[in-house]
Amino acid sequence: MKSELSTKMILVEDLIDIVKGRLLDRLVKNQALIYKKNPNHCPSCNDGSIVGVEIMGALEGVLLWECESCFDMFLKYEADKTEIELQQAKGYWTNASDWGYVPRSKFN
């Protein structure tokens, strides 16, 4: 039985400092693979630890999938749609002080 989907939320700025061109080209190796639902295993390493990745400033909910073992990322939506969402999220930021104290043990 598959457990509940784990997700993590990140800023695009945390993924890539300053990138010219398509952000997706730096994040996703195989853009032909699209998984509308959480894949059962990673197609790269065959591990079953896949999490949904939410990007702050992009659409609400999971935008990408990531293998927690090999860290490969996979698409949930078509590449062009994902790239638009990533580009819109560039420059989005948050003040960590506004989130209150979170113990390090609770970090993703």
PDB file of N, CA and C in Angstrom:
ATOM      1  N   MET A   1       0.847  -1.181   0.000  1.00  0.00           N
ATOM      2  CA  MET A   1       0.000   0.000   0.000  1.00  0.00           C
ATOM      3  C   MET A   1       0.889   1.239   0.000  1.00  0.00           C
ATOM      4  N   LYS A   2       0.590   2.171  -0.867  1.00  0.00           N
ATOM      5  CA  LYS A   2       1.373   3.390  -0.984  1.00  0.00           C
ATOM      6  C   LYS A   2       0.966   4.382   0.094  1.00  0.00           C
ATOM      7  N   SER A   3       1.955   4.974   0.742  1.00  0.00           N
ATOM      8  CA  SER A   3       1.656   5.943   1.785  1.00  0.00           C
ATOM      9  C   SER A   3       1.242   7.276   1.171  1.00  0.00           C
ATOM     10  N   GLU A   4       0.786   8.180   2.010  1.00  0.00           N
ATOM     11  CA  GLU A   4       0.361   9.503   1.555  1.00  0.00           C
ATOM     12  C   GLU A   4       1.520  10.228   0.893  1.00  0.00           C
ATOM     13  N   LEU A   5       1.234  11.008  -0.139  1.00  0.00           N
ATOM     14  CA  LEU A   5       2.243  11.744  -0.884  1.00  0.00           C
ATOM     15  C   LEU A   5       2.963  12.738   0.018  1.00  0.00           C
ATOM     16  N   SER A   6       4.269  12.689  -0.002  1.00  0.00           N
ATOM     17  CA  SER A   6       5.083  13.676   0.689  1.00  0.00           C
ATOM     18  C   SER A   6       5.398  14.797  -0.289  1.00  0.00           C
ATOM     19  N   THR A   7       5.398  16.019   0.207  1.00  0.00           N
ATOM     20  CA  THR A   7       5.756  17.147  -0.636  1.00  0.00           C
ATOM     21  C   THR A   7       6.742  18.032   0.090  1.00  0.00           C
ATOM     22  N   LYS A   8       7.444  18.834  -0.684  1.00  0.00           N
ATOM     23  CA  LYS A   8       8.284  19.867  -0.110  1.00  0.00           C
ATOM     24  C   LYS A   8       8.073  21.129  -0.919  1.00  0.00           C
ATOM     25  N   MET A   9       8.212  22.271  -0.278  1.00  0.00           N
ATOM     26  CA  MET A   9       8.009  23.541  -0.949  1.00  0.00           C
ATOM     27  C   MET A   9       9.343  24.270  -1.007  1.00  0.00           C
ATOM     28  N   ILE A  10       9.673  24.770  -2.180  1.00  0.00           N
ATOM     29  CA  ILE A  10      10.937  25.470  -2.362  1.00  0.00           C
ATOM     30  C   ILE A  10      10.746  26.708  -3.226  1.00  0.00           C
ATOM     31  N   LEU A  11      11.714  27.598  -3.172  1.00  0.00           N
ATOM     32  CA  LEU A  11      11.761  28.766  -4.033  1.00  0.00           C
ATOM     33  C   LEU A  11      12.610  28.439  -5.252  1.00  0.00           C
ATOM     34  N   VAL A  12      12.269  28.994  -6.402  1.00  0.00           N
ATOM     35  CA  VAL A  12      13.086  28.798  -7.596  1.00  0.00           C
ATOM     36  C   VAL A  12      14.505  29.273  -7.321  1.00  0.00           C
ATOM     37  N   GLU A  13      14.661  30.330  -6.567  1.00  0.00           N
ATOM     38  CA  GLU A  13      15.984  30.862  -6.258  1.00  0.00           C
ATOM     39  C   GLU A  13      16.824  29.861  -5.480  1.00  0.00           C
ATOM     40  N   ASP A  14      16.180  28.958  -4.744  1.00  0.00           N
ATOM     41  CA  ASP A  14      16.902  27.912  -4.031  1.00  0.00           C
ATOM     42  C   ASP A  14      17.419  26.842  -4.987  1.00  0.00           C
ATOM     43  N   LEU A  15      16.761  26.695  -6.123  1.00  0.00           N
ATOM     44  CA  LEU A  15      17.157  25.687  -7.101  1.00  0.00           C
ATOM     45  C   LEU A  15      18.287  26.170  -7.988  1.00  0.00           C
ATOM     46  N   ILE A  16      18.176  27.400  -8.425  1.00  0.00           N
ATOM     47  CA  ILE A  16      19.096  27.929  -9.428  1.00  0.00           C
ATOM     48  C   ILE A  16      19.392  29.383  -9.092  1.00  0.00           C
ATOM     49  N   ASP A  17      20.674  29.737  -9.024  1.00  0.00           N
ATOM     50  CA  ASP A  17      21.035  31.110  -8.713  1.00  0.00           C
ATOM     51  C   ASP A  17      20.596  32.036  -9.842  1.00  0.00           C
ATOM     52  N   ILE A  18      21.398  32.165 -10.853  1.00  0.00           N
ATOM     53  CA  ILE A  18      21.031  33.001 -12.006  1.00  0.00           C
ATOM     54  C   ILE A  18      21.239  32.157 -13.251  1.00  0.00           C
ATOM     55  N   VAL A  19      20.165  31.896 -13.951  1.00  0.00           N
ATOM     56  CA  VAL A  19      20.227  31.044 -15.138  1.00  0.00           C
ATOM     57  C   VAL A  19      19.663  31.816 -16.311  1.00  0.00           C
ATOM     58  N   LYS A  20      20.387  31.781 -17.393  1.00  0.00           N
ATOM     59  CA  LYS A  20      19.869  32.361 -18.629  1.00  0.00           C
ATOM     60  C   LYS A  20      19.252  31.234 -19.422  1.00  0.00           C
ATOM     61  N   GLY A  21      18.132  31.489 -20.046  1.00  0.00           N
ATOM     62  CA  GLY A  21      17.475  30.458 -20.833  1.00  0.00           C
ATOM     63  C   GLY A  21      16.454  29.693 -20.011  1.00  0.00           C
ATOM     64  N   ARG A  22      16.191  28.471 -20.426  1.00  0.00           N
ATOM     65  CA  ARG A  22      15.152  27.664 -19.801  1.00  0.00           C
ATOM     66  C   ARG A  22      15.615  27.079 -18.472  1.00  0.00           C
ATOM     67  N   LEU A  23      14.852  27.337 -17.421  1.00  0.00           N
ATOM     68  CA  LEU A  23      15.146  26.773 -16.112  1.00  0.00           C
ATOM     69  C   LEU A  23      14.970  25.254 -16.125  1.00  0.00           C
ATOM     70  N   LEU A  24      13.959  24.812 -16.833  1.00  0.00           N
ATOM     71  CA  LEU A  24      13.634  23.388 -16.869  1.00  0.00           C
ATOM     72  C   LEU A  24      14.793  22.543 -17.396  1.00  0.00           C
ATOM     73  N   ASP A  25      15.560  23.093 -18.324  1.00  0.00           N
ATOM     74  CA  ASP A  25      16.689  22.356 -18.885  1.00  0.00           C
ATOM     75  C   ASP A  25      17.742  22.042 -17.823  1.00  0.00           C
ATOM     76  N   ARG A  26      17.798  22.842 -16.779  1.00  0.00           N
ATOM     77  CA  ARG A  26      18.748  22.608 -15.689  1.00  0.00           C
ATOM     78  C   ARG A  26      18.192  21.673 -14.628  1.00  0.00           C
ATOM     79  N   LEU A  27      16.880  21.470 -14.604  1.00  0.00           N
ATOM     80  CA  LEU A  27      16.248  20.694 -13.534  1.00  0.00           C
ATOM     81  C   LEU A  27      15.868  19.281 -13.929  1.00  0.00           C
ATOM     82  N   VAL A  28      15.363  19.119 -15.136  1.00  0.00           N
ATOM     83  CA  VAL A  28      14.783  17.837 -15.555  1.00  0.00           C
ATOM     84  C   VAL A  28      15.580  17.265 -16.716  1.00  0.00           C
ATOM     85  N   LYS A  29      16.176  16.095 -16.498  1.00  0.00           N
ATOM     86  CA  LYS A  29      16.995  15.454 -17.539  1.00  0.00           C
ATOM     87  C   LYS A  29      16.148  14.938 -18.698  1.00  0.00           C
ATOM     88  N   ASN A  30      15.078  14.210 -18.391  1.00  0.00           N
ATOM     89  CA  ASN A  30      14.241  13.605 -19.433  1.00  0.00           C
ATOM     90  C   ASN A  30      12.872  14.279 -19.439  1.00  0.00           C
ATOM     91  N   GLN A  31      12.710  15.270 -20.312  1.00  0.00           N
ATOM     92  CA  GLN A  31      11.469  16.036 -20.360  1.00  0.00           C
ATOM     93  C   GLN A  31      10.375  15.320 -21.146  1.00  0.00           C
ATOM     94  N   ALA A  32      10.683  14.155 -21.676  1.00  0.00           N
ATOM     95  CA  ALA A  32       9.671  13.371 -22.388  1.00  0.00           C
ATOM     96  C   ALA A  32       8.811  12.580 -21.406  1.00  0.00           C
ATOM     97  N   LEU A  33       9.313  12.356 -20.195  1.00  0.00           N
ATOM     98  CA  LEU A  33       8.555  11.616 -19.178  1.00  0.00           C
ATOM     99  C   LEU A  33       7.658  12.565 -18.411  1.00  0.00           C
ATOM    100  N   ILE A  34       6.360  12.336 -18.466  1.00  0.00           N
ATOM    101  CA  ILE A  34       5.394  13.170 -17.750  1.00  0.00           C
ATOM    102  C   ILE A  34       4.525  12.249 -16.903  1.00  0.00           C
ATOM    103  N   TYR A  35       4.458  12.548 -15.612  1.00  0.00           N
ATOM    104  CA  TYR A  35       3.672  11.743 -14.681  1.00  0.00           C
ATOM    105  C   TYR A  35       2.595  12.623 -14.059  1.00  0.00           C
ATOM    106  N   LYS A  36       1.364  12.488 -14.493  1.00  0.00           N
ATOM    107  CA  LYS A  36       0.254  13.272 -13.932  1.00  0.00           C
ATOM    108  C   LYS A  36       0.053  12.931 -12.453  1.00  0.00           C
ATOM    109  N   LYS A  37       0.301  11.655 -12.107  1.00  0.00           N
ATOM    110  CA  LYS A  37       0.197  11.210 -10.715  1.00  0.00           C
ATOM    111  C   LYS A  37       1.580  10.790 -10.236  1.00  0.00           C
ATOM    112  N   ASN A  38       1.744  10.772  -8.934  1.00  0.00           N
ATOM    113  CA  ASN A  38       3.016  10.391  -8.331  1.00  0.00           C
ATOM    114  C   ASN A  38       3.475   9.030  -8.866  1.00  0.00           C
ATOM    115  N   PRO A  39       4.653   8.984  -9.506  1.00  0.00           N
ATOM    116  CA  PRO A  39       5.126   7.696 -10.013  1.00  0.00           C
ATOM    117  C   PRO A  39       5.435   6.723  -8.865  1.00  0.00           C
ATOM    118  N   ASN A  40       5.241   5.432  -9.124  1.00  0.00           N
ATOM    119  CA  ASN A  40       5.498   4.414  -8.100  1.00  0.00           C
ATOM    120  C   ASN A  40       6.972   4.246  -7.796  1.00  0.00           C
ATOM    121  N   HIS A  41       7.817   4.533  -8.790  1.00  0.00           N
ATOM    122  CA  HIS A  41       9.254   4.390  -8.605  1.00  0.00           C
ATOM    123  C   HIS A  41       9.973   5.357  -9.551  1.00  0.00           C
ATOM    124  N   CYS A  42      11.222   5.599  -9.248  1.00  0.00           N
ATOM    125  CA  CYS A  42      12.056   6.473 -10.071  1.00  0.00           C
ATOM    126  C   CYS A  42      12.505   5.716 -11.320  1.00  0.00           C
ATOM    127  N   PRO A  43      12.294   6.277 -12.512  1.00  0.00           N
ATOM    128  CA  PRO A  43      12.732   5.595 -13.725  1.00  0.00           C
ATOM    129  C   PRO A  43      14.259   5.577 -13.875  1.00  0.00           C
ATOM    130  N   SER A  44      14.950   6.430 -13.115  1.00  0.00           N
ATOM    131  CA  SER A  44      16.412   6.469 -13.201  1.00  0.00           C
ATOM    132  C   SER A  44      17.077   5.422 -12.313  1.00  0.00           C
ATOM    133  N   CYS A  45      16.635   5.335 -11.036  1.00  0.00           N
ATOM    134  CA  CYS A  45      17.298   4.432 -10.084  1.00  0.00           C
ATOM    135  C   CYS A  45      16.379   3.338  -9.544  1.00  0.00           C
ATOM    136  N   ASN A  46      15.095   3.399  -9.912  1.00  0.00           N
ATOM    137  CA  ASN A  46      14.089   2.400  -9.523  1.00  0.00           C
ATOM    138  C   ASN A  46      13.699   2.467  -8.045  1.00  0.00           C
ATOM    139  N   ASP A  47      14.114   3.497  -7.322  1.00  0.00           N
ATOM    140  CA  ASP A  47      13.741   3.656  -5.918  1.00  0.00           C
ATOM    141  C   ASP A  47      12.288   4.131  -5.835  1.00  0.00           C
ATOM    142  N   GLY A  48      11.607   3.807  -4.759  1.00  0.00           N
ATOM    143  CA  GLY A  48      10.205   4.172  -4.600  1.00  0.00           C
ATOM    144  C   GLY A  48       9.957   5.434  -3.798  1.00  0.00           C
ATOM    145  N   SER A  49      11.013   6.164  -3.451  1.00  0.00           N
ATOM    146  CA  SER A  49      10.873   7.374  -2.632  1.00  0.00           C
ATOM    147  C   SER A  49      10.735   8.609  -3.508  1.00  0.00           C
ATOM    148  N   ILE A  50       9.528   8.853  -3.997  1.00  0.00           N
ATOM    149  CA  ILE A  50       9.252  10.005  -4.857  1.00  0.00           C
ATOM    150  C   ILE A  50       8.412  11.009  -4.071  1.00  0.00           C
ATOM    151  N   VAL A  51       8.819  12.282  -4.106  1.00  0.00           N
ATOM    152  CA  VAL A  51       8.053  13.335  -3.438  1.00  0.00           C
ATOM    153  C   VAL A  51       7.606  14.361  -4.465  1.00  0.00           C
ATOM    154  N   GLY A  52       6.506  15.031  -4.154  1.00  0.00           N
ATOM    155  CA  GLY A  52       6.037  16.130  -4.979  1.00  0.00           C
ATOM    156  C   GLY A  52       6.773  17.394  -4.583  1.00  0.00           C
ATOM    157  N   VAL A  53       7.112  18.221  -5.549  1.00  0.00           N
ATOM    158  CA  VAL A  53       7.817  19.479  -5.293  1.00  0.00           C
ATOM    159  C   VAL A  53       6.894  20.628  -5.650  1.00  0.00           C
ATOM    160  N   GLU A  54       6.600  21.452  -4.654  1.00  0.00           N
ATOM    161  CA  GLU A  54       5.821  22.667  -4.871  1.00  0.00           C
ATOM    162  C   GLU A  54       6.791  23.829  -4.974  1.00  0.00           C
ATOM    163  N   ILE A  55       6.569  24.707  -5.920  1.00  0.00           N
ATOM    164  CA  ILE A  55       7.427  25.864  -6.136  1.00  0.00           C
ATOM    165  C   ILE A  55       6.673  27.107  -5.703  1.00  0.00           C
ATOM    166  N   MET A  56       7.207  27.803  -4.707  1.00  0.00           N
ATOM    167  CA  MET A  56       6.555  29.033  -4.254  1.00  0.00           C
ATOM    168  C   MET A  56       6.557  30.052  -5.385  1.00  0.00           C
ATOM    169  N   GLY A  57       5.390  30.619  -5.655  1.00  0.00           N
ATOM    170  CA  GLY A  57       5.247  31.597  -6.723  1.00  0.00           C
ATOM    171  C   GLY A  57       4.742  30.982  -8.018  1.00  0.00           C
ATOM    172  N   ALA A  58       4.719  29.650  -8.090  1.00  0.00           N
ATOM    173  CA  ALA A  58       4.172  28.950  -9.261  1.00  0.00           C
ATOM    174  C   ALA A  58       2.755  28.513  -8.919  1.00  0.00           C
ATOM    175  N   LEU A  59       2.170  27.682  -9.772  1.00  0.00           N
ATOM    176  CA  LEU A  59       0.804  27.247  -9.496  1.00  0.00           C
ATOM    177  C   LEU A  59       0.718  26.525  -8.156  1.00  0.00           C
ATOM    178  N   GLU A  60      -0.467  26.508  -7.579  1.00  0.00           N
ATOM    179  CA  GLU A  60      -0.652  25.881  -6.274  1.00  0.00           C
ATOM    180  C   GLU A  60      -0.591  24.362  -6.429  1.00  0.00           C
ATOM    181  N   GLY A  61       0.151  23.723  -5.572  1.00  0.00           N
ATOM    182  CA  GLY A  61       0.271  22.273  -5.606  1.00  0.00           C
ATOM    183  C   GLY A  61       1.578  21.821  -6.234  1.00  0.00           C
ATOM    184  N   VAL A  62       1.679  20.536  -6.431  1.00  0.00           N
ATOM    185  CA  VAL A  62       2.901  19.918  -6.958  1.00  0.00           C
ATOM    186  C   VAL A  62       3.126  20.327  -8.410  1.00  0.00           C
ATOM    187  N   LEU A  63       4.341  20.789  -8.713  1.00  0.00           N
ATOM    188  CA  LEU A  63       4.720  21.145 -10.084  1.00  0.00           C
ATOM    189  C   LEU A  63       5.662  20.097 -10.679  1.00  0.00           C
ATOM    190  N   LEU A  64       6.497  19.500  -9.841  1.00  0.00           N
ATOM    191  CA  LEU A  64       7.479  18.511 -10.277  1.00  0.00           C
ATOM    192  C   LEU A  64       7.504  17.343  -9.301  1.00  0.00           C
ATOM    193  N   TRP A  65       8.077  16.232  -9.727  1.00  0.00           N
ATOM    194  CA  TRP A  65       8.334  15.092  -8.848  1.00  0.00           C
ATOM    195  C   TRP A  65       9.838  14.979  -8.666  1.00  0.00           C
ATOM    196  N   GLU A  66      10.266  14.531  -7.475  1.00  0.00           N
ATOM    197  CA  GLU A  66      11.698  14.347  -7.240  1.00  0.00           C
ATOM    198  C   GLU A  66      11.949  13.032  -6.522  1.00  0.00           C
ATOM    199  N   CYS A  67      12.963  12.311  -6.980  1.00  0.00           N
ATOM    200  CA  CYS A  67      13.385  11.080  -6.324  1.00  0.00           C
ATOM    201  C   CYS A  67      14.259  11.474  -5.136  1.00  0.00           C
ATOM    202  N   GLU A  68      13.911  10.990  -3.952  1.00  0.00           N
ATOM    203  CA  GLU A  68      14.699  11.313  -2.764  1.00  0.00           C
ATOM    204  C   GLU A  68      16.000  10.521  -2.699  1.00  0.00           C
ATOM    205  N   SER A  69      16.148   9.550  -3.573  1.00  0.00           N
ATOM    206  CA  SER A  69      17.360   8.740  -3.576  1.00  0.00           C
ATOM    207  C   SER A  69      18.423   9.326  -4.516  1.00  0.00           C
ATOM    208  N   CYS A  70      18.062   9.538  -5.792  1.00  0.00           N
ATOM    209  CA  CYS A  70      19.045  10.040  -6.764  1.00  0.00           C
ATOM    210  C   CYS A  70      18.855  11.530  -7.089  1.00  0.00           C
ATOM    211  N   PHE A  71      17.771  12.133  -6.594  1.00  0.00           N
ATOM    212  CA  PHE A  71      17.455  13.552  -6.767  1.00  0.00           C
ATOM    213  C   PHE A  71      17.107  13.953  -8.205  1.00  0.00           C
ATOM    214  N   ASP A  72      16.838  12.976  -9.067  1.00  0.00           N
ATOM    215  CA  ASP A  72      16.333  13.316 -10.397  1.00  0.00           C
ATOM    216  C   ASP A  72      14.924  13.883 -10.264  1.00  0.00           C
ATOM    217  N   MET A  73      14.606  14.825 -11.150  1.00  0.00           N
ATOM    218  CA  MET A  73      13.287  15.444 -11.144  1.00  0.00           C
ATOM    219  C   MET A  73      12.546  15.053 -12.415  1.00  0.00           C
ATOM    220  N   PHE A  74      11.201  14.994 -12.280  1.00  0.00           N
ATOM    221  CA  PHE A  74      10.346  14.574 -13.386  1.00  0.00           C
ATOM    222  C   PHE A  74       9.153  15.509 -13.499  1.00  0.00           C
ATOM    223  N   LEU A  75       8.641  15.628 -14.699  1.00  0.00           N
ATOM    224  CA  LEU A  75       7.524  16.525 -14.979  1.00  0.00           C
ATOM    225  C   LEU A  75       6.187  15.954 -14.516  1.00  0.00           C
ATOM    226  N   LYS A  76       5.328  16.856 -14.097  1.00  0.00           N
ATOM    227  CA  LYS A  76       3.926  16.522 -13.856  1.00  0.00           C
ATOM    228  C   LYS A  76       3.071  17.070 -15.001  1.00  0.00           C
ATOM    229  N   TYR A  77       3.524  18.161 -15.585  1.00  0.00           N
ATOM    230  CA  TYR A  77       2.824  18.823 -16.689  1.00  0.00           C
ATOM    231  C   TYR A  77       3.754  18.882 -17.906  1.00  0.00           C
ATOM    232  N   GLU A  78       3.208  19.262 -19.037  1.00  0.00           N
ATOM    233  CA  GLU A  78       4.010  19.441 -20.251  1.00  0.00           C
ATOM    234  C   GLU A  78       5.169  20.409 -19.954  1.00  0.00           C
ATOM    235  N   ALA A  79       6.265  20.236 -20.660  1.00  0.00           N
ATOM    236  CA  ALA A  79       7.467  21.039 -20.419  1.00  0.00           C
ATOM    237  C   ALA A  79       7.209  22.540 -20.569  1.00  0.00           C
ATOM    238  N   ASP A  80       6.474  22.938 -21.611  1.00  0.00           N
ATOM    239  CA  ASP A  80       6.228  24.376 -21.830  1.00  0.00           C
ATOM    240  C   ASP A  80       5.436  24.985 -20.683  1.00  0.00           C
ATOM    241  N   LYS A  81       4.415  24.292 -20.204  1.00  0.00           N
ATOM    242  CA  LYS A  81       3.613  24.790 -19.081  1.00  0.00           C
ATOM    243  C   LYS A  81       4.476  24.892 -17.823  1.00  0.00           C
ATOM    244  N   THR A  82       5.302  23.887 -17.578  1.00  0.00           N
ATOM    245  CA  THR A  82       6.168  23.893 -16.402  1.00  0.00           C
ATOM    246  C   THR A  82       7.167  25.034 -16.476  1.00  0.00           C
ATOM    247  N   GLU A  83       7.737  25.253 -17.647  1.00  0.00           N
ATOM    248  CA  GLU A  83       8.706  26.343 -17.817  1.00  0.00           C
ATOM    249  C   GLU A  83       8.052  27.701 -17.551  1.00  0.00           C
ATOM    250  N   ILE A  84       6.846  27.902 -18.031  1.00  0.00           N
ATOM    251  CA  ILE A  84       6.131  29.162 -17.777  1.00  0.00           C
ATOM    252  C   ILE A  84       5.959  29.370 -16.279  1.00  0.00           C
ATOM    253  N   GLU A  85       5.559  28.332 -15.569  1.00  0.00           N
ATOM    254  CA  GLU A  85       5.366  28.431 -14.114  1.00  0.00           C
ATOM    255  C   GLU A  85       6.682  28.742 -13.407  1.00  0.00           C
ATOM    256  N   LEU A  86       7.763  28.108 -13.823  1.00  0.00           N
ATOM    257  CA  LEU A  86       9.073  28.364 -13.215  1.00  0.00           C
ATOM    258  C   LEU A  86       9.525  29.801 -13.474  1.00  0.00           C
ATOM    259  N   GLN A  87       9.333  30.268 -14.695  1.00  0.00           N
ATOM    260  CA  GLN A  87       9.735  31.644 -15.029  1.00  0.00           C
ATOM    261  C   GLN A  87       8.932  32.662 -14.228  1.00  0.00           C
ATOM    262  N   GLN A  88       7.635  32.383 -14.025  1.00  0.00           N
ATOM    263  CA  GLN A  88       6.804  33.305 -13.240  1.00  0.00           C
ATOM    264  C   GLN A  88       7.228  33.331 -11.775  1.00  0.00           C
ATOM    265  N   ALA A  89       7.810  32.239 -11.302  1.00  0.00           N
ATOM    266  CA  ALA A  89       8.209  32.149  -9.895  1.00  0.00           C
ATOM    267  C   ALA A  89       9.583  32.769  -9.638  1.00  0.00           C
ATOM    268  N   LYS A  90      10.329  33.096 -10.700  1.00  0.00           N
ATOM    269  CA  LYS A  90      11.636  33.742 -10.507  1.00  0.00           C
ATOM    270  C   LYS A  90      11.428  35.077  -9.808  1.00  0.00           C
ATOM    271  N   GLY A  91      12.253  35.354  -8.852  1.00  0.00           N
ATOM    272  CA  GLY A  91      12.140  36.608  -8.128  1.00  0.00           C
ATOM    273  C   GLY A  91      11.175  36.551  -6.965  1.00  0.00           C
ATOM    274  N   TYR A  92      10.380  35.499  -6.870  1.00  0.00           N
ATOM    275  CA  TYR A  92       9.478  35.335  -5.724  1.00  0.00           C
ATOM    276  C   TYR A  92      10.338  35.048  -4.508  1.00  0.00           C
ATOM    277  N   TRP A  93      10.027  35.676  -3.410  1.00  0.00           N
ATOM    278  CA  TRP A  93      10.821  35.470  -2.209  1.00  0.00           C
ATOM    279  C   TRP A  93       9.928  35.524  -0.981  1.00  0.00           C
ATOM    280  N   THR A  94      10.476  35.097   0.108  1.00  0.00           N
ATOM    281  CA  THR A  94       9.784  35.170   1.384  1.00  0.00           C
ATOM    282  C   THR A  94      10.807  35.500   2.456  1.00  0.00           C
ATOM    283  N   ASN A  95      10.357  36.129   3.485  1.00  0.00           N
ATOM    284  CA  ASN A  95      11.222  36.462   4.608  1.00  0.00           C
ATOM    285  C   ASN A  95      11.133  35.332   5.623  1.00  0.00           C
ATOM    286  N   ALA A  96      12.219  34.620   5.810  1.00  0.00           N
ATOM    287  CA  ALA A  96      12.227  33.475   6.730  1.00  0.00           C
ATOM    288  C   ALA A  96      11.804  33.875   8.142  1.00  0.00           C
ATOM    289  N   SER A  97      12.037  35.114   8.527  1.00  0.00           N
ATOM    290  CA  SER A  97      11.654  35.575   9.868  1.00  0.00           C
ATOM    291  C   SER A  97      10.140  35.595  10.055  1.00  0.00           C
ATOM    292  N   ASP A  98       9.405  35.736   8.962  1.00  0.00           N
ATOM    293  CA  ASP A  98       7.945  35.773   9.047  1.00  0.00           C
ATOM    294  C   ASP A  98       7.328  34.399   9.300  1.00  0.00           C
ATOM    295  N   TRP A  99       8.107  33.352   9.149  1.00  0.00           N
ATOM    296  CA  TRP A  99       7.599  32.000   9.295  1.00  0.00           C
ATOM    297  C   TRP A  99       7.698  31.495  10.725  1.00  0.00           C
ATOM    298  N   GLY A 100       8.377  32.236  11.588  1.00  0.00           N
ATOM    299  CA  GLY A 100       8.546  31.781  12.961  1.00  0.00           C
ATOM    300  C   GLY A 100       9.654  30.745  13.046  1.00  0.00           C
ATOM    301  N   TYR A 101       9.911  30.269  14.239  1.00  0.00           N
ATOM    302  CA  TYR A 101      10.993  29.320  14.446  1.00  0.00           C
ATOM    303  C   TYR A 101      10.555  27.898  14.075  1.00  0.00           C
ATOM    304  N   VAL A 102      11.358  27.252  13.265  1.00  0.00           N
ATOM    305  CA  VAL A 102      11.138  25.846  12.912  1.00  0.00           C
ATOM    306  C   VAL A 102      12.407  25.086  13.288  1.00  0.00           C
ATOM    307  N   PRO A 103      12.311  24.114  14.174  1.00  0.00           N
ATOM    308  CA  PRO A 103      13.514  23.356  14.551  1.00  0.00           C
ATOM    309  C   PRO A 103      14.122  22.657  13.344  1.00  0.00           C
ATOM    310  N   ARG A 104      15.423  22.558  13.312  1.00  0.00           N
ATOM    311  CA  ARG A 104      16.125  21.954  12.188  1.00  0.00           C
ATOM    312  C   ARG A 104      15.643  20.528  11.915  1.00  0.00           C
ATOM    313  N   SER A 105      15.225  19.837  12.940  1.00  0.00           N
ATOM    314  CA  SER A 105      14.746  18.465  12.778  1.00  0.00           C
ATOM    315  C   SER A 105      13.463  18.389  11.953  1.00  0.00           C
ATOM    316  N   LYS A 106      12.771  19.510  11.789  1.00  0.00           N
ATOM    317  CA  LYS A 106      11.518  19.554  11.025  1.00  0.00           C
ATOM    318  C   LYS A 106      11.731  19.959   9.569  1.00  0.00           C
ATOM    319  N   PHE A 107      12.979  20.315   9.202  1.00  0.00           N
ATOM    320  CA  PHE A 107      13.277  20.703   7.812  1.00  0.00           C
ATOM    321  C   PHE A 107      13.083  19.519   6.889  1.00  0.00           C
ATOM    322  N   ASN A 108      12.779  19.798   5.601  1.00  0.00           N
ATOM    323  CA  ASN A 108      12.651  18.719   4.594  1.00  0.00           C
ATOM    324  C   ASN A 108      13.973  18.046   4.408  1.00  0.00           C
TER     325      ASN A 108
END
